[in-house]
Amino acid sequence: MGRRLDGQVAIVTGGGQGLGEAICLRLAHEGCSVVVADLNEETASAVASAITREMGAAIAVKVDVTDEDQVAGMVERAIDEFGRLDILVSNAGILFAGEIDEFPADRWRAVIDVNLVGYFLCAKHAARVMKRQKSGVIIQINSKSGKKGSYKSSAYAASKFGAIGLTQSLGLELAEHGVRANAICPGNLLDSPLWVNSLYKQYAAKWGITEEEVRQKYVDQVPMKRGCTYEDVTNVVVFLASDQAGYMTGQAVNVTGGQEMR
């Protein structure tokens, strides 16, 4: 299909690793110049360097998405470097879990600050540029936990439910300016570093089963009988960023293999 986003400029927060890295690489492959934004400057620089070596233009920007001055600086850097901003992918996020009666309030607030307030700040400053351009796309990486409550992950689910409400509100407000806003709700990324390096071990110890049995337990919950992959998500990112999705705004698109259908 060729380079569907040729000549466009994208910012990806949380772009230095995992799904964010995969999104940066895919957008570059589709023809975008990419601002790889991450709290970890070293990993962001590594991703940006890989893009410039193999695919096109990219820069790394260190940013804490909860700090408005840093977010504003990130957007200004994109404009200074590339002259415009066509795509914002708000991907930065954190997850702390715990029983509600024992959940530390500071950790609960931290999840909301990164996942919801951070998304708001990025959308706010991107929208200022996109409204002037009369064009642009905002994409938030949400979760199936934005559609259904998550066991002992109240802060995470609350942040993701709130982000879908924000996405819908952005869609309503920005439509007249030619700017679209949508969210993507992935299922469990069972081959991601989070699962492979951490969650399998935690759940295996908690439930007294093997890591392979933990994986199978989660696979069995999916009608299509496999975990979500980075490619599953990046396919939808490219679609929503492209003119093929030109009549879509305010949507929260499930990429869950049928595990979530609302």
Protein backbone atom coordinates (compact mmCIF):
# COMPACT_ATOMS: atom_id res chain seq x y z
CA MET A 1 0.00 0.00 0.00
CA GLY A 2 3.03 2.29 0.04
CA ARG A 3 3.88 4.92 2.63
CA ARG A 4 0.44 5.98 3.79
CA LEU A 5 1.63 8.85 5.99
CA ASP A 6 4.39 10.21 3.77
CA GLY A 7 5.60 13.68 4.76
CA GLN A 8 3.67 13.85 8.03
CA VAL A 9 5.08 14.70 11.46
CA ALA A 10 4.23 12.64 14.54
CA ILE A 11 4.88 12.88 18.27
CA VAL A 12 4.76 9.61 20.24
CA THR A 13 4.92 9.84 24.03
CA GLY A 14 6.34 6.87 25.86
CA GLY A 15 8.13 6.20 22.59
CA GLY A 16 11.38 4.87 24.02
CA GLN A 17 10.38 1.27 24.61
CA GLY A 18 7.76 -1.43 24.21
CA LEU A 19 4.60 -0.52 22.35
CA GLY A 20 5.68 3.12 22.05
CA GLU A 21 8.87 2.10 20.29
CA ALA A 22 6.89 -0.13 17.92
CA ILE A 23 4.56 2.78 17.11
CA CYS A 24 7.52 5.10 16.40
CA LEU A 25 9.12 2.57 14.06
CA ARG A 26 5.86 1.86 12.24
CA LEU A 27 5.05 5.54 11.74
CA ALA A 28 8.56 6.12 10.40
CA HIS A 29 8.12 3.15 8.04
CA GLU A 30 4.90 4.78 6.80
CA GLY A 31 6.77 7.99 5.96
CA CYS A 32 6.49 10.12 9.11
CA SER A 33 9.14 12.26 10.70
CA VAL A 34 8.95 11.20 14.35
CA VAL A 35 9.46 12.93 17.67
CA VAL A 36 10.31 10.12 20.09
CA ALA A 37 9.25 11.52 23.46
CA ASP A 38 9.99 9.68 26.69
CA LEU A 39 10.93 10.25 30.30
CA ASN A 40 13.97 8.05 29.62
CA GLU A 41 16.14 10.14 27.30
CA GLU A 42 18.58 7.28 26.65
CA THR A 43 15.96 4.89 25.26
CA ALA A 44 14.27 7.67 23.29
CA SER A 45 17.62 8.54 21.69
CA ALA A 46 18.21 4.90 20.77
CA VAL A 47 14.86 4.67 18.99
CA ALA A 48 15.40 7.98 17.20
CA SER A 49 18.85 6.86 16.09
CA ALA A 50 17.47 3.60 14.72
CA ILE A 51 14.93 5.54 12.68
CA THR A 52 17.46 8.00 11.27
CA ARG A 53 19.81 5.17 10.31
CA GLU A 54 17.20 3.07 8.53
CA MET A 55 14.06 5.01 7.66
CA GLY A 56 14.02 8.79 7.88
CA ALA A 57 13.98 11.77 10.22
CA ALA A 58 13.55 11.52 13.97
CA ILE A 59 14.54 13.36 17.13
CA ALA A 60 14.43 12.37 20.78
CA VAL A 61 12.86 14.58 23.42
CA LYS A 62 12.93 13.98 27.15
CA VAL A 63 9.51 14.75 28.60
CA ASP A 64 7.49 14.19 31.74
CA VAL A 65 3.92 14.31 30.44
CA THR A 66 2.63 15.50 33.83
CA ASP A 67 4.71 18.70 33.55
CA GLU A 68 2.93 21.23 31.34
CA ASP A 69 6.05 23.27 30.60
CA GLN A 70 7.84 20.16 29.38
CA VAL A 71 4.86 19.12 27.24
CA ALA A 72 4.68 22.59 25.70
CA GLY A 73 8.41 22.42 25.02
CA MET A 74 8.01 19.02 23.35
CA VAL A 75 5.44 20.40 20.92
CA GLU A 76 7.53 23.53 20.28
CA ARG A 77 10.55 21.33 19.53
CA ALA A 78 8.52 19.38 16.97
CA ILE A 79 7.47 22.60 15.24
CA ASP A 80 10.98 24.06 15.35
CA GLU A 81 12.46 20.89 13.87
CA PHE A 82 9.80 19.85 11.34
CA GLY A 83 7.54 22.88 10.84
CA ARG A 84 4.21 21.24 11.66
CA LEU A 85 2.46 18.55 13.70
CA ASP A 86 0.08 16.09 12.05
CA ILE A 87 -0.18 13.21 14.52
CA LEU A 88 -0.03 12.97 18.30
CA VAL A 89 0.05 9.48 19.79
CA SER A 90 -0.46 9.75 23.55
CA ASN A 91 1.01 6.44 24.67
CA ALA A 92 2.84 7.20 27.93
CA GLY A 93 1.26 5.37 30.83
CA ILE A 94 1.86 3.62 34.14
CA LEU A 95 0.09 0.93 36.13
CA PHE A 96 0.03 0.39 39.88
CA ALA A 97 -2.34 -2.25 41.26
CA GLY A 98 -3.65 -2.94 44.75
CA GLU A 99 -6.70 -3.64 46.89
CA ILE A 100 -8.87 -0.55 47.22
CA ASP A 101 -8.73 -0.43 51.01
CA GLU A 102 -4.93 -0.60 50.98
CA PHE A 103 -4.16 1.45 47.86
CA PRO A 104 -1.79 4.36 48.73
CA ALA A 105 -3.39 7.63 47.65
CA ASP A 106 -0.15 8.96 46.20
CA ARG A 107 0.16 5.95 43.88
CA TRP A 108 -3.50 6.27 42.87
CA ARG A 109 -2.94 9.93 41.98
CA ALA A 110 0.25 9.10 40.09
CA VAL A 111 -1.65 6.77 37.74
CA ILE A 112 -4.31 9.44 37.11
CA ASP A 113 -1.65 12.13 36.60
CA VAL A 114 0.27 10.20 33.95
CA ASN A 115 -2.54 8.37 32.17
CA LEU A 116 -5.23 11.05 32.19
CA VAL A 117 -3.77 14.45 33.07
CA GLY A 118 -0.73 13.69 30.89
CA TYR A 119 -3.01 12.87 27.97
CA PHE A 120 -4.94 16.11 28.53
CA LEU A 121 -1.76 18.20 28.54
CA CYS A 122 -0.42 16.59 25.37
CA ALA A 123 -3.77 16.99 23.61
CA LYS A 124 -4.05 20.61 24.78
CA HIS A 125 -0.74 21.70 23.30
CA ALA A 126 -1.07 19.59 20.16
CA ALA A 127 -4.56 21.01 19.57
CA ARG A 128 -3.22 24.58 19.61
CA VAL A 129 -1.01 23.74 16.64
CA MET A 130 -3.53 21.54 14.83
CA LYS A 131 -6.32 24.12 15.08
CA ARG A 132 -4.10 26.67 13.35
CA GLN A 133 -3.29 24.13 10.66
CA LYS A 134 -6.97 23.13 10.29
CA SER A 135 -5.80 19.51 10.35
CA GLY A 136 -4.41 16.87 12.65
CA VAL A 137 -5.02 13.57 14.38
CA ILE A 138 -4.86 12.78 18.10
CA ILE A 139 -4.66 9.09 19.05
CA GLN A 140 -4.66 7.87 22.63
CA ILE A 141 -3.44 4.39 23.52
CA ASN A 142 -6.07 3.24 25.96
CA SER A 143 -6.84 -0.32 27.13
CA LYS A 144 -9.60 -2.88 27.38
CA SER A 145 -9.61 -1.62 30.99
CA GLY A 146 -11.11 1.58 29.60
CA LYS A 147 -14.23 -0.40 28.71
CA LYS A 148 -14.57 -2.72 31.71
CA GLY A 149 -13.44 -2.47 35.34
CA SER A 150 -10.12 -4.10 36.18
CA TYR A 151 -9.67 -6.35 39.23
CA LYS A 152 -7.56 -4.61 41.89
CA SER A 153 -6.52 -1.99 39.31
CA SER A 154 -9.02 0.73 40.16
CA ALA A 155 -6.68 3.64 39.41
CA TYR A 156 -5.70 2.25 36.01
CA ALA A 157 -9.29 1.55 34.98
CA ALA A 158 -10.43 4.96 36.24
CA SER A 159 -7.69 6.68 34.25
CA LYS A 160 -8.58 4.78 31.08
CA PHE A 161 -12.36 5.29 31.43
CA GLY A 162 -11.66 9.00 31.92
CA ALA A 163 -9.42 9.08 28.86
CA ILE A 164 -12.22 7.72 26.68
CA GLY A 165 -14.45 10.52 27.93
CA LEU A 166 -11.70 12.99 27.11
CA THR A 167 -11.30 11.48 23.63
CA GLN A 168 -15.01 11.84 22.94
CA SER A 169 -14.94 15.44 24.17
CA LEU A 170 -11.95 16.24 21.98
CA GLY A 171 -13.74 14.71 19.01
CA LEU A 172 -16.74 16.97 19.58
CA GLU A 173 -14.73 20.12 20.19
CA LEU A 174 -12.12 19.80 17.46
CA ALA A 175 -14.23 18.48 14.57
CA GLU A 176 -15.00 21.98 13.29
CA HIS A 177 -11.26 22.64 13.09
CA GLY A 178 -10.51 19.58 10.95
CA VAL A 179 -8.90 17.70 13.85
CA ARG A 180 -9.88 14.13 14.75
CA ALA A 181 -9.39 12.32 18.09
CA ASN A 182 -9.70 8.58 18.66
CA ALA A 183 -8.52 5.98 21.17
CA ILE A 184 -7.25 2.43 20.77
CA CYS A 185 -8.05 -0.20 23.39
CA PRO A 186 -5.58 -3.10 23.12
CA GLY A 187 -5.92 -6.46 24.81
CA ASN A 188 -3.13 -8.10 26.79
CA LEU A 189 0.24 -7.76 25.04
CA LEU A 190 1.40 -11.18 26.23
CA ASP A 191 4.81 -11.03 24.51
CA SER A 192 5.69 -7.53 25.71
CA PRO A 193 8.53 -6.87 28.20
CA LEU A 194 5.98 -6.05 30.92
CA TRP A 195 4.54 -9.56 30.74
CA VAL A 196 7.70 -11.51 29.91
CA ASN A 197 9.94 -9.80 32.46
CA SER A 198 7.46 -9.15 35.25
CA LEU A 199 3.82 -10.17 35.19
CA TYR A 200 4.23 -13.87 34.40
CA LYS A 201 6.56 -14.28 37.38
CA GLN A 202 4.27 -12.30 39.69
CA TYR A 203 1.14 -14.21 38.77
CA ALA A 204 2.89 -17.60 38.80
CA ALA A 205 4.07 -16.98 42.36
CA LYS A 206 0.71 -15.61 43.43
CA TRP A 207 -1.33 -18.49 42.02
CA GLY A 208 1.15 -21.32 42.55
CA ILE A 209 1.29 -22.28 38.86
CA THR A 210 3.94 -22.13 36.13
CA GLU A 211 4.56 -19.10 33.95
CA GLU A 212 3.40 -21.13 30.93
CA GLU A 213 0.13 -21.86 32.73
CA VAL A 214 -0.29 -18.16 33.48
CA ARG A 215 0.10 -17.36 29.79
CA GLN A 216 -2.38 -20.04 28.79
CA LYS A 217 -4.87 -18.75 31.35
CA TYR A 218 -4.86 -15.35 29.63
CA VAL A 219 -4.89 -16.80 26.11
CA ASP A 220 -7.96 -18.87 27.03
CA GLN A 221 -9.87 -15.67 27.86
CA VAL A 222 -9.56 -14.47 24.25
CA PRO A 223 -12.03 -15.81 21.65
CA MET A 224 -9.29 -15.67 18.99
CA LYS A 225 -6.95 -17.63 21.32
CA ARG A 226 -3.87 -15.45 21.22
CA GLY A 227 -2.48 -12.34 22.83
CA CYS A 228 -2.48 -8.89 21.29
CA THR A 229 0.68 -8.00 19.35
CA TYR A 230 2.39 -4.70 18.65
CA GLU A 231 1.52 -5.12 14.97
CA ASP A 232 -2.18 -5.52 15.83
CA VAL A 233 -2.04 -2.12 17.53
CA THR A 234 0.19 -0.30 15.05
CA ASN A 235 -2.05 -1.40 12.17
CA VAL A 236 -4.90 0.50 13.81
CA VAL A 237 -2.67 3.49 14.65
CA VAL A 238 -1.80 3.86 10.97
CA PHE A 239 -5.42 3.46 9.90
CA LEU A 240 -6.70 6.07 12.37
CA ALA A 241 -3.90 8.48 11.41
CA SER A 242 -4.66 8.12 7.70
CA ASP A 243 -7.32 9.62 5.46
CA GLN A 244 -8.95 6.19 5.38
CA ALA A 245 -10.35 7.04 8.83
CA GLY A 246 -11.32 10.55 7.79
CA TYR A 247 -14.93 10.10 8.95
CA MET A 248 -14.00 8.71 12.40
CA THR A 249 -13.66 10.80 15.53
CA GLY A 250 -14.44 10.28 19.21
CA GLN A 251 -14.14 6.51 18.90
CA ALA A 252 -12.50 3.96 21.22
CA VAL A 253 -11.53 1.05 18.98
CA ASN A 254 -11.11 -2.39 20.58
CA VAL A 255 -8.11 -4.48 19.49
CA THR A 256 -8.76 -7.42 21.80
CA GLY A 257 -9.38 -10.52 19.67
CA GLY A 258 -13.01 -10.41 20.74
CA GLN A 259 -12.31 -10.28 24.48
CA GLU A 260 -14.06 -6.91 24.70
CA MET A 261 -16.85 -6.05 22.28
CA ARG A 262 -18.37 -2.83 23.66
